[in-house]
Each structure stands twice: as C-alpha cells, then as structure tokens.
C-alpha cells in the first residue's frame, strides 16, 4: 500500500468514525445524562466558557485554551477545578480533557431548550 492509498484509507476511516459517533450519540447522551447536566450547570451560558470546554481534549494546556477563547484566566482555572471536582475531567488539570464525549453542538442544544 502506498502513502496515497494509506491517506485515503485513513480519511475513509475518519468518515466512518464520524458516522458511528452520530449514530451512537443518543445512547451516549442517555448514559451520561447526569454528567452532561452537571457540565451545563458549571459552564452556564457563557459563550467563552462553552468554547473553552469544547477545546478541552487533553492536547491543549489551559494557556492554549485561554489564548484561543480569551476567557479570563481566573474564570478558566475556577471552571477547570469545578469540572475536576464533579468528575468531568480526566488526566491533569493543566491539560484538561473531558471525561465524557459531547457533540460540537452540545451547548447549542442546551440553549434551544
């Protein structure tokens, strides 16, 4: 298999993964309903906090999240501590990662309620 074929295969696998996530979302939401409710409570209606949470995938530091969103450093640190205390983070707080999966429109759906 050459590198072009490998890249094409990887792209197709990525597309299949997205479809599976879409199909699994209702079951994931049902399983994580209490944690998702707590996440919405902690984050609230702040757009910057919502954007920050969506960036918390374990590859970015809190500084990276701050730089990308402009959320006040103290607010970000407090939110990360609350998320950690609620069992919504895994790993280190310096590189926060949500313990549950949420779709990219997670907060949009909450605002539509």
PDB file of N, CA and C in Angstrom:
ATOM      1  N   UNK A   1       0.850  -1.164   0.000  1.00  0.00           N
ATOM      2  CA  UNK A   1       0.000   0.000   0.000  1.00  0.00           C
ATOM      3  C   UNK A   1       0.898   1.230   0.000  1.00  0.00           C
ATOM      4  N   UNK A   2       0.666   2.135  -0.948  1.00  0.00           N
ATOM      5  CA  UNK A   2       1.487   3.346  -0.985  1.00  0.00           C
ATOM      6  C   UNK A   2       0.888   4.411  -0.063  1.00  0.00           C
ATOM      7  N   UNK A   3       1.595   5.522   0.064  1.00  0.00           N
ATOM      8  CA  UNK A   3       1.171   6.550   1.020  1.00  0.00           C
ATOM      9  C   UNK A   3      -0.144   7.216   0.617  1.00  0.00           C
ATOM     10  N   UNK A   4      -0.419   7.336  -0.690  1.00  0.00           N
ATOM     11  CA  UNK A   4      -1.694   7.908  -1.135  1.00  0.00           C
ATOM     12  C   UNK A   4      -2.858   7.004  -0.747  1.00  0.00           C
ATOM     13  N   UNK A   5      -2.669   5.706  -0.908  1.00  0.00           N
ATOM     14  CA  UNK A   5      -3.721   4.763  -0.530  1.00  0.00           C
ATOM     15  C   UNK A   5      -3.936   4.774   0.985  1.00  0.00           C
ATOM     16  N   UNK A   6      -2.853   4.850   1.723  1.00  0.00           N
ATOM     17  CA  UNK A   6      -2.947   4.889   3.178  1.00  0.00           C
ATOM     18  C   UNK A   6      -3.677   6.153   3.638  1.00  0.00           C
ATOM     19  N   UNK A   7      -3.368   7.272   3.022  1.00  0.00           N
ATOM     20  CA  UNK A   7      -4.027   8.528   3.375  1.00  0.00           C
ATOM     21  C   UNK A   7      -5.512   8.466   3.052  1.00  0.00           C
ATOM     22  N   UNK A   8      -5.840   7.880   1.914  1.00  0.00           N
ATOM     23  CA  UNK A   8      -7.247   7.753   1.514  1.00  0.00           C
ATOM     24  C   UNK A   8      -7.988   6.820   2.484  1.00  0.00           C
ATOM     25  N   UNK A   9      -7.351   5.735   2.855  1.00  0.00           N
ATOM     26  CA  UNK A   9      -7.952   4.802   3.806  1.00  0.00           C
ATOM     27  C   UNK A   9      -8.171   5.471   5.165  1.00  0.00           C
ATOM     28  N   UNK A  10      -7.196   6.219   5.610  1.00  0.00           N
ATOM     29  CA  UNK A  10      -7.306   6.926   6.879  1.00  0.00           C
ATOM     30  C   UNK A  10      -8.450   7.939   6.846  1.00  0.00           C
ATOM     31  N   UNK A  11      -8.603   8.625   5.740  1.00  0.00           N
ATOM     32  CA  UNK A  11      -9.697   9.586   5.590  1.00  0.00           C
ATOM     33  C   UNK A  11     -11.051   8.869   5.650  1.00  0.00           C
ATOM     34  N   UNK A  12     -11.149   7.741   4.974  1.00  0.00           N
ATOM     35  CA  UNK A  12     -12.400   6.983   4.981  1.00  0.00           C
ATOM     36  C   UNK A  12     -12.720   6.448   6.379  1.00  0.00           C
ATOM     37  N   UNK A  13     -11.721   5.998   7.090  1.00  0.00           N
ATOM     38  CA  UNK A  13     -11.925   5.525   8.463  1.00  0.00           C
ATOM     39  C   UNK A  13     -12.416   6.681   9.334  1.00  0.00           C
ATOM     40  N   UNK A  14     -11.857   7.862   9.133  1.00  0.00           N
ATOM     41  CA  UNK A  14     -12.305   9.036   9.872  1.00  0.00           C
ATOM     42  C   UNK A  14     -13.768   9.358   9.600  1.00  0.00           C
ATOM     43  N   UNK A  15     -14.182   9.227   8.354  1.00  0.00           N
ATOM     44  CA  UNK A  15     -15.579   9.474   7.993  1.00  0.00           C
ATOM     45  C   UNK A  15     -16.500   8.432   8.630  1.00  0.00           C
ATOM     46  N   UNK A  16     -16.068   7.184   8.647  1.00  0.00           N
ATOM     47  CA  UNK A  16     -16.852   6.117   9.290  1.00  0.00           C
ATOM     48  C   UNK A  16     -16.974   6.397  10.781  1.00  0.00           C
ATOM     49  N   UNK A  17     -15.891   6.849  11.399  1.00  0.00           N
ATOM     50  CA  UNK A  17     -15.912   7.167  12.835  1.00  0.00           C
ATOM     51  C   UNK A  17     -16.930   8.267  13.120  1.00  0.00           C
ATOM     52  N   UNK A  18     -16.958   9.303  12.289  1.00  0.00           N
ATOM     53  CA  UNK A  18     -17.923  10.382  12.476  1.00  0.00           C
ATOM     54  C   UNK A  18     -19.355   9.863  12.379  1.00  0.00           C
ATOM     55  N   UNK A  19     -19.613   8.987  11.441  1.00  0.00           N
ATOM     56  CA  UNK A  19     -20.951   8.408  11.291  1.00  0.00           C
ATOM     57  C   UNK A  19     -21.330   7.567  12.508  1.00  0.00           C
ATOM     58  N   UNK A  20     -20.389   6.782  13.008  1.00  0.00           N
ATOM     59  CA  UNK A  20     -20.655   5.965  14.197  1.00  0.00           C
ATOM     60  C   UNK A  20     -20.941   6.835  15.422  1.00  0.00           C
ATOM     61  N   UNK A  21     -20.195   7.917  15.561  1.00  0.00           N
ATOM     62  CA  UNK A  21     -20.436   8.829  16.674  1.00  0.00           C
ATOM     63  C   UNK A  21     -21.829   9.436  16.566  1.00  0.00           C
ATOM     64  N   UNK A  22     -22.225   9.793  15.366  1.00  0.00           N
ATOM     65  CA  UNK A  22     -23.556  10.357  15.148  1.00  0.00           C
ATOM     66  C   UNK A  22     -24.634   9.349  15.521  1.00  0.00           C
ATOM     67  N   UNK A  23     -24.456   8.108  15.120  1.00  0.00           N
ATOM     68  CA  UNK A  23     -25.426   7.066  15.438  1.00  0.00           C
ATOM     69  C   UNK A  23     -25.452   6.735  16.936  1.00  0.00           C
ATOM     70  N   UNK A  24     -24.308   6.814  17.581  1.00  0.00           N
ATOM     71  CA  UNK A  24     -24.217   6.457  18.995  1.00  0.00           C
ATOM     72  C   UNK A  24     -24.606   7.591  19.930  1.00  0.00           C
ATOM     73  N   UNK A  25     -24.698   8.803  19.437  1.00  0.00           N
ATOM     74  CA  UNK A  25     -24.938   9.969  20.291  1.00  0.00           C
ATOM     75  C   UNK A  25     -26.154   9.814  21.203  1.00  0.00           C
ATOM     76  N   UNK A  26     -27.312   9.361  20.732  1.00  0.00           N
ATOM     77  CA  UNK A  26     -28.451   9.229  21.659  1.00  0.00           C
ATOM     78  C   UNK A  26     -28.166   8.277  22.833  1.00  0.00           C
ATOM     79  N   UNK A  27     -27.486   7.186  22.580  1.00  0.00           N
ATOM     80  CA  UNK A  27     -27.157   6.239  23.646  1.00  0.00           C
ATOM     81  C   UNK A  27     -26.133   6.847  24.609  1.00  0.00           C
ATOM     82  N   UNK A  28     -25.169   7.564  24.082  1.00  0.00           N
ATOM     83  CA  UNK A  28     -24.161   8.216  24.923  1.00  0.00           C
ATOM     84  C   UNK A  28     -24.822   9.282  25.787  1.00  0.00           C
ATOM     85  N   UNK A  29     -25.727  10.061  25.186  1.00  0.00           N
ATOM     86  CA  UNK A  29     -26.430  11.106  25.936  1.00  0.00           C
ATOM     87  C   UNK A  29     -27.245  10.504  27.078  1.00  0.00           C
ATOM     88  N   UNK A  30     -27.919   9.391  26.816  1.00  0.00           N
ATOM     89  CA  UNK A  30     -28.715   8.736  27.861  1.00  0.00           C
ATOM     90  C   UNK A  30     -27.832   8.222  28.990  1.00  0.00           C
ATOM     91  N   UNK A  31     -26.698   7.655  28.633  1.00  0.00           N
ATOM     92  CA  UNK A  31     -25.773   7.119  29.634  1.00  0.00           C
ATOM     93  C   UNK A  31     -25.180   8.234  30.500  1.00  0.00           C
ATOM     94  N   UNK A  32     -24.876   9.364  29.882  1.00  0.00           N
ATOM     95  CA  UNK A  32     -24.166  10.449  30.566  1.00  0.00           C
ATOM     96  C   UNK A  32     -25.065  11.606  30.980  1.00  0.00           C
ATOM     97  N   UNK A  33     -26.363  11.374  31.089  1.00  0.00           N
ATOM     98  CA  UNK A  33     -27.298  12.481  31.326  1.00  0.00           C
ATOM     99  C   UNK A  33     -26.954  13.286  32.580  1.00  0.00           C
ATOM    100  N   UNK A  34     -26.619  12.644  33.673  1.00  0.00           N
ATOM    101  CA  UNK A  34     -26.314  13.382  34.911  1.00  0.00           C
ATOM    102  C   UNK A  34     -25.030  14.199  34.763  1.00  0.00           C
ATOM    103  N   UNK A  35     -24.016  13.595  34.155  1.00  0.00           N
ATOM    104  CA  UNK A  35     -22.758  14.326  33.959  1.00  0.00           C
ATOM    105  C   UNK A  35     -22.937  15.486  32.988  1.00  0.00           C
ATOM    106  N   UNK A  36     -23.717  15.272  31.942  1.00  0.00           N
ATOM    107  CA  UNK A  36     -23.969  16.350  30.974  1.00  0.00           C
ATOM    108  C   UNK A  36     -24.750  17.491  31.622  1.00  0.00           C
ATOM    109  N   UNK A  37     -25.706  17.159  32.474  1.00  0.00           N
ATOM    110  CA  UNK A  37     -26.451  18.202  33.189  1.00  0.00           C
ATOM    111  C   UNK A  37     -25.524  19.001  34.094  1.00  0.00           C
ATOM    112  N   UNK A  38     -24.625  18.302  34.785  1.00  0.00           N
ATOM    113  CA  UNK A  38     -23.666  18.980  35.656  1.00  0.00           C
ATOM    114  C   UNK A  38     -22.718  19.852  34.841  1.00  0.00           C
ATOM    115  N   UNK A  39     -22.303  19.390  33.678  1.00  0.00           N
ATOM    116  CA  UNK A  39     -21.445  20.177  32.797  1.00  0.00           C
ATOM    117  C   UNK A  39     -22.157  21.469  32.395  1.00  0.00           C
ATOM    118  N   UNK A  40     -23.411  21.355  31.997  1.00  0.00           N
ATOM    119  CA  UNK A  40     -24.175  22.556  31.622  1.00  0.00           C
ATOM    120  C   UNK A  40     -24.321  23.513  32.813  1.00  0.00           C
ATOM    121  N   UNK A  41     -24.529  22.964  34.008  1.00  0.00           N
ATOM    122  CA  UNK A  41     -24.669  23.806  35.194  1.00  0.00           C
ATOM    123  C   UNK A  41     -23.376  24.569  35.481  1.00  0.00           C
ATOM    124  N   UNK A  42     -22.250  23.894  35.414  1.00  0.00           N
ATOM    125  CA  UNK A  42     -20.960  24.523  35.705  1.00  0.00           C
ATOM    126  C   UNK A  42     -20.598  25.566  34.660  1.00  0.00           C
ATOM    127  N   UNK A  43     -20.793  25.244  33.405  1.00  0.00           N
ATOM    128  CA  UNK A  43     -20.385  26.136  32.314  1.00  0.00           C
ATOM    129  C   UNK A  43     -21.349  27.306  32.158  1.00  0.00           C
ATOM    130  N   UNK A  44     -22.629  27.047  32.336  1.00  0.00           N
ATOM    131  CA  UNK A  44     -23.611  28.118  32.208  1.00  0.00           C
ATOM    132  C   UNK A  44     -23.783  28.584  30.773  1.00  0.00           C
ATOM    133  N   UNK A  45     -24.184  29.830  30.621  1.00  0.00           N
ATOM    134  CA  UNK A  45     -24.498  30.351  29.292  1.00  0.00           C
ATOM    135  C   UNK A  45     -23.367  31.165  28.676  1.00  0.00           C
ATOM    136  N   UNK A  46     -22.230  31.212  29.343  1.00  0.00           N
ATOM    137  CA  UNK A  46     -21.081  31.966  28.827  1.00  0.00           C
ATOM    138  C   UNK A  46     -20.538  31.312  27.557  1.00  0.00           C
ATOM    139  N   UNK A  47     -20.562  32.054  26.478  1.00  0.00           N
ATOM    140  CA  UNK A  47     -20.061  31.541  25.192  1.00  0.00           C
ATOM    141  C   UNK A  47     -18.579  31.191  25.304  1.00  0.00           C
ATOM    142  N   UNK A  48     -17.800  32.041  25.977  1.00  0.00           N
ATOM    143  CA  UNK A  48     -16.361  31.782  26.109  1.00  0.00           C
ATOM    144  C   UNK A  48     -16.097  30.502  26.900  1.00  0.00           C
ATOM    145  N   UNK A  49     -16.872  30.262  27.964  1.00  0.00           N
ATOM    146  CA  UNK A  49     -16.700  29.034  28.737  1.00  0.00           C
ATOM    147  C   UNK A  49     -17.097  27.817  27.896  1.00  0.00           C
ATOM    148  N   UNK A  50     -18.160  27.951  27.132  1.00  0.00           N
ATOM    149  CA  UNK A  50     -18.594  26.863  26.261  1.00  0.00           C
ATOM    150  C   UNK A  50     -17.513  26.543  25.233  1.00  0.00           C
ATOM    151  N   UNK A  51     -16.946  27.587  24.633  1.00  0.00           N
ATOM    152  CA  UNK A  51     -15.868  27.373  23.660  1.00  0.00           C
ATOM    153  C   UNK A  51     -14.669  26.709  24.327  1.00  0.00           C
ATOM    154  N   UNK A  52     -14.358  27.130  25.541  1.00  0.00           N
ATOM    155  CA  UNK A  52     -13.216  26.564  26.267  1.00  0.00           C
ATOM    156  C   UNK A  52     -13.417  25.076  26.505  1.00  0.00           C
ATOM    157  N   UNK A  53     -14.611  24.686  26.934  1.00  0.00           N
ATOM    158  CA  UNK A  53     -14.882  23.274  27.208  1.00  0.00           C
ATOM    159  C   UNK A  53     -14.744  22.443  25.937  1.00  0.00           C
ATOM    160  N   UNK A  54     -15.210  22.976  24.818  1.00  0.00           N
ATOM    161  CA  UNK A  54     -15.111  22.235  23.558  1.00  0.00           C
ATOM    162  C   UNK A  54     -13.658  22.041  23.120  1.00  0.00           C
ATOM    163  N   UNK A  55     -12.756  22.863  23.629  1.00  0.00           N
ATOM    164  CA  UNK A  55     -11.327  22.727  23.302  1.00  0.00           C
ATOM    165  C   UNK A  55     -10.586  21.783  24.246  1.00  0.00           C
ATOM    166  N   UNK A  56     -11.238  21.367  25.313  1.00  0.00           N
ATOM    167  CA  UNK A  56     -10.583  20.528  26.328  1.00  0.00           C
ATOM    168  C   UNK A  56     -10.559  19.070  25.882  1.00  0.00           C
ATOM    169  N   UNK A  57      -9.528  18.737  25.095  1.00  0.00           N
ATOM    170  CA  UNK A  57      -9.404  17.375  24.582  1.00  0.00           C
ATOM    171  C   UNK A  57      -8.121  16.689  25.046  1.00  0.00           C
ATOM    172  N   UNK A  58      -7.430  17.308  25.996  1.00  0.00           N
ATOM    173  CA  UNK A  58      -6.215  16.716  26.529  1.00  0.00           C
ATOM    174  C   UNK A  58      -4.950  17.061  25.770  1.00  0.00           C
ATOM    175  N   UNK A  59      -5.085  17.729  24.623  1.00  0.00           N
ATOM    176  CA  UNK A  59      -3.900  18.106  23.852  1.00  0.00           C
ATOM    177  C   UNK A  59      -3.518  19.566  24.068  1.00  0.00           C
ATOM    178  N   UNK A  60      -4.411  20.327  24.682  1.00  0.00           N
ATOM    179  CA  UNK A  60      -4.169  21.752  24.900  1.00  0.00           C
ATOM    180  C   UNK A  60      -3.994  22.030  26.391  1.00  0.00           C
ATOM    181  N   UNK A  61      -3.089  22.955  26.683  1.00  0.00           N
ATOM    182  CA  UNK A  61      -2.927  23.401  28.061  1.00  0.00           C
ATOM    183  C   UNK A  61      -4.006  24.439  28.363  1.00  0.00           C
ATOM    184  N   UNK A  62      -4.145  24.762  29.642  1.00  0.00           N
ATOM    185  CA  UNK A  62      -5.085  25.824  29.994  1.00  0.00           C
ATOM    186  C   UNK A  62      -4.695  27.128  29.309  1.00  0.00           C
ATOM    187  N   UNK A  63      -3.406  27.373  29.170  1.00  0.00           N
ATOM    188  CA  UNK A  63      -2.952  28.593  28.481  1.00  0.00           C
ATOM    189  C   UNK A  63      -3.400  28.583  27.031  1.00  0.00           C
ATOM    190  N   UNK A  64      -3.298  27.430  26.365  1.00  0.00           N
ATOM    191  CA  UNK A  64      -3.756  27.324  24.976  1.00  0.00           C
ATOM    192  C   UNK A  64      -5.250  27.629  24.871  1.00  0.00           C
ATOM    193  N   UNK A  65      -6.017  27.098  25.812  1.00  0.00           N
ATOM    194  CA  UNK A  65      -7.467  27.329  25.834  1.00  0.00           C
ATOM    195  C   UNK A  65      -7.744  28.807  26.069  1.00  0.00           C
ATOM    196  N   UNK A  66      -7.024  29.400  27.003  1.00  0.00           N
ATOM    197  CA  UNK A  66      -7.167  30.837  27.279  1.00  0.00           C
ATOM    198  C   UNK A  66      -6.860  31.655  26.030  1.00  0.00           C
ATOM    199  N   UNK A  67      -5.734  31.336  25.374  1.00  0.00           N
ATOM    200  CA  UNK A  67      -5.336  32.076  24.174  1.00  0.00           C
ATOM    201  C   UNK A  67      -6.383  31.966  23.069  1.00  0.00           C
ATOM    202  N   UNK A  68      -6.997  30.799  22.940  1.00  0.00           N
ATOM    203  CA  UNK A  68      -7.967  30.579  21.868  1.00  0.00           C
ATOM    204  C   UNK A  68      -9.320  31.230  22.144  1.00  0.00           C
ATOM    205  N   UNK A  69      -9.677  31.373  23.422  1.00  0.00           N
ATOM    206  CA  UNK A  69     -11.022  31.858  23.753  1.00  0.00           C
ATOM    207  C   UNK A  69     -11.055  33.257  24.351  1.00  0.00           C
ATOM    208  N   UNK A  70      -9.971  33.660  24.991  1.00  0.00           N
ATOM    209  CA  UNK A  70      -9.965  34.954  25.661  1.00  0.00           C
ATOM    210  C   UNK A  70     -10.707  34.936  26.990  1.00  0.00           C
ATOM    211  N   UNK A  71     -11.085  33.755  27.446  1.00  0.00           N
ATOM    212  CA  UNK A  71     -11.728  33.614  28.754  1.00  0.00           C
ATOM    213  C   UNK A  71     -10.744  34.045  29.830  1.00  0.00           C
ATOM    214  N   UNK A  72     -11.195  34.810  30.804  1.00  0.00           N
ATOM    215  CA  UNK A  72     -10.339  35.275  31.896  1.00  0.00           C
ATOM    216  C   UNK A  72      -9.643  34.075  32.544  1.00  0.00           C
ATOM    217  N   UNK A  73      -8.344  34.203  32.797  1.00  0.00           N
ATOM    218  CA  UNK A  73      -7.565  33.085  33.347  1.00  0.00           C
ATOM    219  C   UNK A  73      -8.130  32.564  34.658  1.00  0.00           C
ATOM    220  N   UNK A  74      -8.569  33.466  35.520  1.00  0.00           N
ATOM    221  CA  UNK A  74      -9.146  33.054  36.798  1.00  0.00           C
ATOM    222  C   UNK A  74     -10.446  32.283  36.607  1.00  0.00           C
ATOM    223  N   UNK A  75     -11.268  32.742  35.656  1.00  0.00           N
ATOM    224  CA  UNK A  75     -12.526  32.043  35.370  1.00  0.00           C
ATOM    225  C   UNK A  75     -12.253  30.655  34.804  1.00  0.00           C
ATOM    226  N   UNK A  76     -11.253  30.563  33.935  1.00  0.00           N
ATOM    227  CA  UNK A  76     -10.899  29.270  33.346  1.00  0.00           C
ATOM    228  C   UNK A  76     -10.393  28.314  34.426  1.00  0.00           C
ATOM    229  N   UNK A  77      -9.516  28.805  35.274  1.00  0.00           N
ATOM    230  CA  UNK A  77      -8.962  27.971  36.345  1.00  0.00           C
ATOM    231  C   UNK A  77     -10.059  27.498  37.296  1.00  0.00           C
ATOM    232  N   UNK A  78     -10.965  28.398  37.660  1.00  0.00           N
ATOM    233  CA  UNK A  78     -12.076  28.037  38.549  1.00  0.00           C
ATOM    234  C   UNK A  78     -12.971  26.997  37.889  1.00  0.00           C
ATOM    235  N   UNK A  79     -13.285  27.203  36.615  1.00  0.00           N
ATOM    236  CA  UNK A  79     -14.142  26.260  35.904  1.00  0.00           C
ATOM    237  C   UNK A  79     -13.481  24.887  35.816  1.00  0.00           C
ATOM    238  N   UNK A  80     -12.192  24.848  35.519  1.00  0.00           N
ATOM    239  CA  UNK A  80     -11.471  23.575  35.433  1.00  0.00           C
ATOM    240  C   UNK A  80     -11.507  22.864  36.785  1.00  0.00           C
ATOM    241  N   UNK A  81     -11.333  23.606  37.863  1.00  0.00           N
ATOM    242  CA  UNK A  81     -11.389  22.997  39.197  1.00  0.00           C
ATOM    243  C   UNK A  81     -12.772  22.430  39.488  1.00  0.00           C
ATOM    244  N   UNK A  82     -13.821  23.159  39.104  1.00  0.00           N
ATOM    245  CA  UNK A  82     -15.188  22.670  39.317  1.00  0.00           C
ATOM    246  C   UNK A  82     -15.463  21.427  38.462  1.00  0.00           C
ATOM    247  N   UNK A  83     -15.007  21.453  37.224  1.00  0.00           N
ATOM    248  CA  UNK A  83     -15.191  20.292  36.347  1.00  0.00           C
ATOM    249  C   UNK A  83     -14.470  19.078  36.925  1.00  0.00           C
ATOM    250  N   UNK A  84     -13.270  19.299  37.415  1.00  0.00           N
ATOM    251  CA  UNK A  84     -12.495  18.203  38.002  1.00  0.00           C
ATOM    252  C   UNK A  84     -13.190  17.662  39.249  1.00  0.00           C
ATOM    253  N   UNK A  85     -13.672  18.559  40.092  1.00  0.00           N
ATOM    254  CA  UNK A  85     -14.361  18.150  41.314  1.00  0.00           C
ATOM    255  C   UNK A  85     -15.643  17.364  41.039  1.00  0.00           C
ATOM    256  N   UNK A  86     -16.268  17.640  39.893  1.00  0.00           N
ATOM    257  CA  UNK A  86     -17.504  16.952  39.516  1.00  0.00           C
ATOM    258  C   UNK A  86     -17.231  15.647  38.762  1.00  0.00           C
ATOM    259  N   UNK A  87     -15.958  15.308  38.600  1.00  0.00           N
ATOM    260  CA  UNK A  87     -15.609  14.079  37.884  1.00  0.00           C
ATOM    261  C   UNK A  87     -15.765  14.191  36.379  1.00  0.00           C
ATOM    262  N   UNK A  88     -15.699  15.416  35.881  1.00  0.00           N
ATOM    263  CA  UNK A  88     -15.883  15.638  34.447  1.00  0.00           C
ATOM    264  C   UNK A  88     -14.569  15.747  33.679  1.00  0.00           C
ATOM    265  N   UNK A  89     -13.445  15.644  34.378  1.00  0.00           N
ATOM    266  CA  UNK A  89     -12.145  15.701  33.716  1.00  0.00           C
ATOM    267  C   UNK A  89     -11.348  14.446  34.011  1.00  0.00           C
ATOM    268  N   UNK A  90     -10.519  14.078  33.067  1.00  0.00           N
ATOM    269  CA  UNK A  90      -9.558  13.002  33.285  1.00  0.00           C
ATOM    270  C   UNK A  90      -8.172  13.561  33.015  1.00  0.00           C
ATOM    271  N   UNK A  91      -7.186  12.952  33.600  1.00  0.00           N
ATOM    272  CA  UNK A  91      -5.825  13.424  33.410  1.00  0.00           C
ATOM    273  C   UNK A  91      -5.526  14.623  34.290  1.00  0.00           C
ATOM    274  N   UNK A  92      -4.559  15.403  33.860  1.00  0.00           N
ATOM    275  CA  UNK A  92      -4.110  16.546  34.639  1.00  0.00           C
ATOM    276  C   UNK A  92      -4.912  17.797  34.308  1.00  0.00           C
ATOM    277  N   UNK A  93      -5.107  18.623  35.323  1.00  0.00           N
ATOM    278  CA  UNK A  93      -5.871  19.858  35.117  1.00  0.00           C
ATOM    279  C   UNK A  93      -5.119  20.849  34.232  1.00  0.00           C
ATOM    280  N   UNK A  94      -3.791  20.706  34.136  1.00  0.00           N
ATOM    281  CA  UNK A  94      -3.024  21.625  33.294  1.00  0.00           C
ATOM    282  C   UNK A  94      -3.328  21.404  31.810  1.00  0.00           C
ATOM    283  N   UNK A  95      -3.685  20.167  31.455  1.00  0.00           N
ATOM    284  CA  UNK A  95      -4.107  19.830  30.097  1.00  0.00           C
ATOM    285  C   UNK A  95      -5.457  19.130  30.205  1.00  0.00           C
ATOM    286  N   UNK A  96      -6.510  19.918  30.459  1.00  0.00           N
ATOM    287  CA  UNK A  96      -7.813  19.315  30.751  1.00  0.00           C
ATOM    288  C   UNK A  96      -8.404  18.527  29.587  1.00  0.00           C
ATOM    289  N   UNK A  97      -9.025  17.404  29.939  1.00  0.00           N
ATOM    290  CA  UNK A  97      -9.716  16.575  28.966  1.00  0.00           C
ATOM    291  C   UNK A  97     -11.035  16.140  29.582  1.00  0.00           C
ATOM    292  N   UNK A  98     -12.120  16.356  28.845  1.00  0.00           N
ATOM    293  CA  UNK A  98     -13.425  15.942  29.351  1.00  0.00           C
ATOM    294  C   UNK A  98     -13.475  14.432  29.492  1.00  0.00           C
ATOM    295  N   UNK A  99     -14.114  13.996  30.555  1.00  0.00           N
ATOM    296  CA  UNK A  99     -14.262  12.564  30.816  1.00  0.00           C
ATOM    297  C   UNK A  99     -15.423  11.965  30.030  1.00  0.00           C
ATOM    298  N   UNK A 100     -16.257  12.822  29.467  1.00  0.00           N
ATOM    299  CA  UNK A 100     -17.393  12.360  28.663  1.00  0.00           C
ATOM    300  C   UNK A 100     -17.276  12.956  27.273  1.00  0.00           C
ATOM    301  N   UNK A 101     -17.895  12.308  26.314  1.00  0.00           N
ATOM    302  CA  UNK A 101     -17.878  12.895  24.975  1.00  0.00           C
ATOM    303  C   UNK A 101     -19.135  13.733  24.798  1.00  0.00           C
ATOM    304  N   UNK A 102     -18.944  14.854  24.112  1.00  0.00           N
ATOM    305  CA  UNK A 102     -20.076  15.717  23.795  1.00  0.00           C
ATOM    306  C   UNK A 102     -19.967  16.115  22.331  1.00  0.00           C
ATOM    307  N   UNK A 103     -21.107  16.280  21.665  1.00  0.00           N
ATOM    308  CA  UNK A 103     -21.053  16.720  20.271  1.00  0.00           C
ATOM    309  C   UNK A 103     -20.673  18.200  20.191  1.00  0.00           C
ATOM    310  N   UNK A 104     -20.214  18.628  19.041  1.00  0.00           N
ATOM    311  CA  UNK A 104     -19.782  20.015  18.881  1.00  0.00           C
ATOM    312  C   UNK A 104     -20.932  21.003  19.073  1.00  0.00           C
ATOM    313  N   UNK A 105     -22.170  20.545  18.920  1.00  0.00           N
ATOM    314  CA  UNK A 105     -23.321  21.432  19.110  1.00  0.00           C
ATOM    315  C   UNK A 105     -23.971  21.244  20.478  1.00  0.00           C
ATOM    316  N   UNK A 106     -23.257  20.655  21.410  1.00  0.00           N
ATOM    317  CA  UNK A 106     -23.786  20.329  22.736  1.00  0.00           C
ATOM    318  C   UNK A 106     -24.428  21.532  23.419  1.00  0.00           C
ATOM    319  N   UNK A 107     -23.744  22.651  23.409  1.00  0.00           N
ATOM    320  CA  UNK A 107     -24.267  23.831  24.096  1.00  0.00           C
ATOM    321  C   UNK A 107     -25.369  24.516  23.285  1.00  0.00           C
ATOM    322  N   UNK A 108     -25.350  24.369  21.968  1.00  0.00           N
ATOM    323  CA  UNK A 108     -26.431  24.904  21.140  1.00  0.00           C
ATOM    324  C   UNK A 108     -27.750  24.238  21.529  1.00  0.00           C
ATOM    325  N   UNK A 109     -27.727  22.939  21.697  1.00  0.00           N
ATOM    326  CA  UNK A 109     -28.918  22.193  22.070  1.00  0.00           C
ATOM    327  C   UNK A 109     -29.435  22.643  23.429  1.00  0.00           C
ATOM    328  N   UNK A 110     -28.514  22.969  24.348  1.00  0.00           N
ATOM    329  CA  UNK A 110     -28.922  23.408  25.683  1.00  0.00           C
ATOM    330  C   UNK A 110     -29.594  24.776  25.598  1.00  0.00           C
ATOM    331  N   UNK A 111     -29.119  25.615  24.695  1.00  0.00           N
ATOM    332  CA  UNK A 111     -29.695  26.952  24.567  1.00  0.00           C
ATOM    333  C   UNK A 111     -31.045  26.929  23.885  1.00  0.00           C
ATOM    334  N   UNK A 112     -31.335  25.870  23.137  1.00  0.00           N
ATOM    335  CA  UNK A 112     -32.600  25.758  22.428  1.00  0.00           C
ATOM    336  C   UNK A 112     -33.725  25.278  23.330  1.00  0.00           C
ATOM    337  N   UNK A 113     -33.388  24.776  24.522  1.00  0.00           N
ATOM    338  CA  UNK A 113     -34.409  24.227  25.422  1.00  0.00           C
ATOM    339  C   UNK A 113     -35.290  25.317  25.993  1.00  0.00           C
TER     340      UNK A 113
END
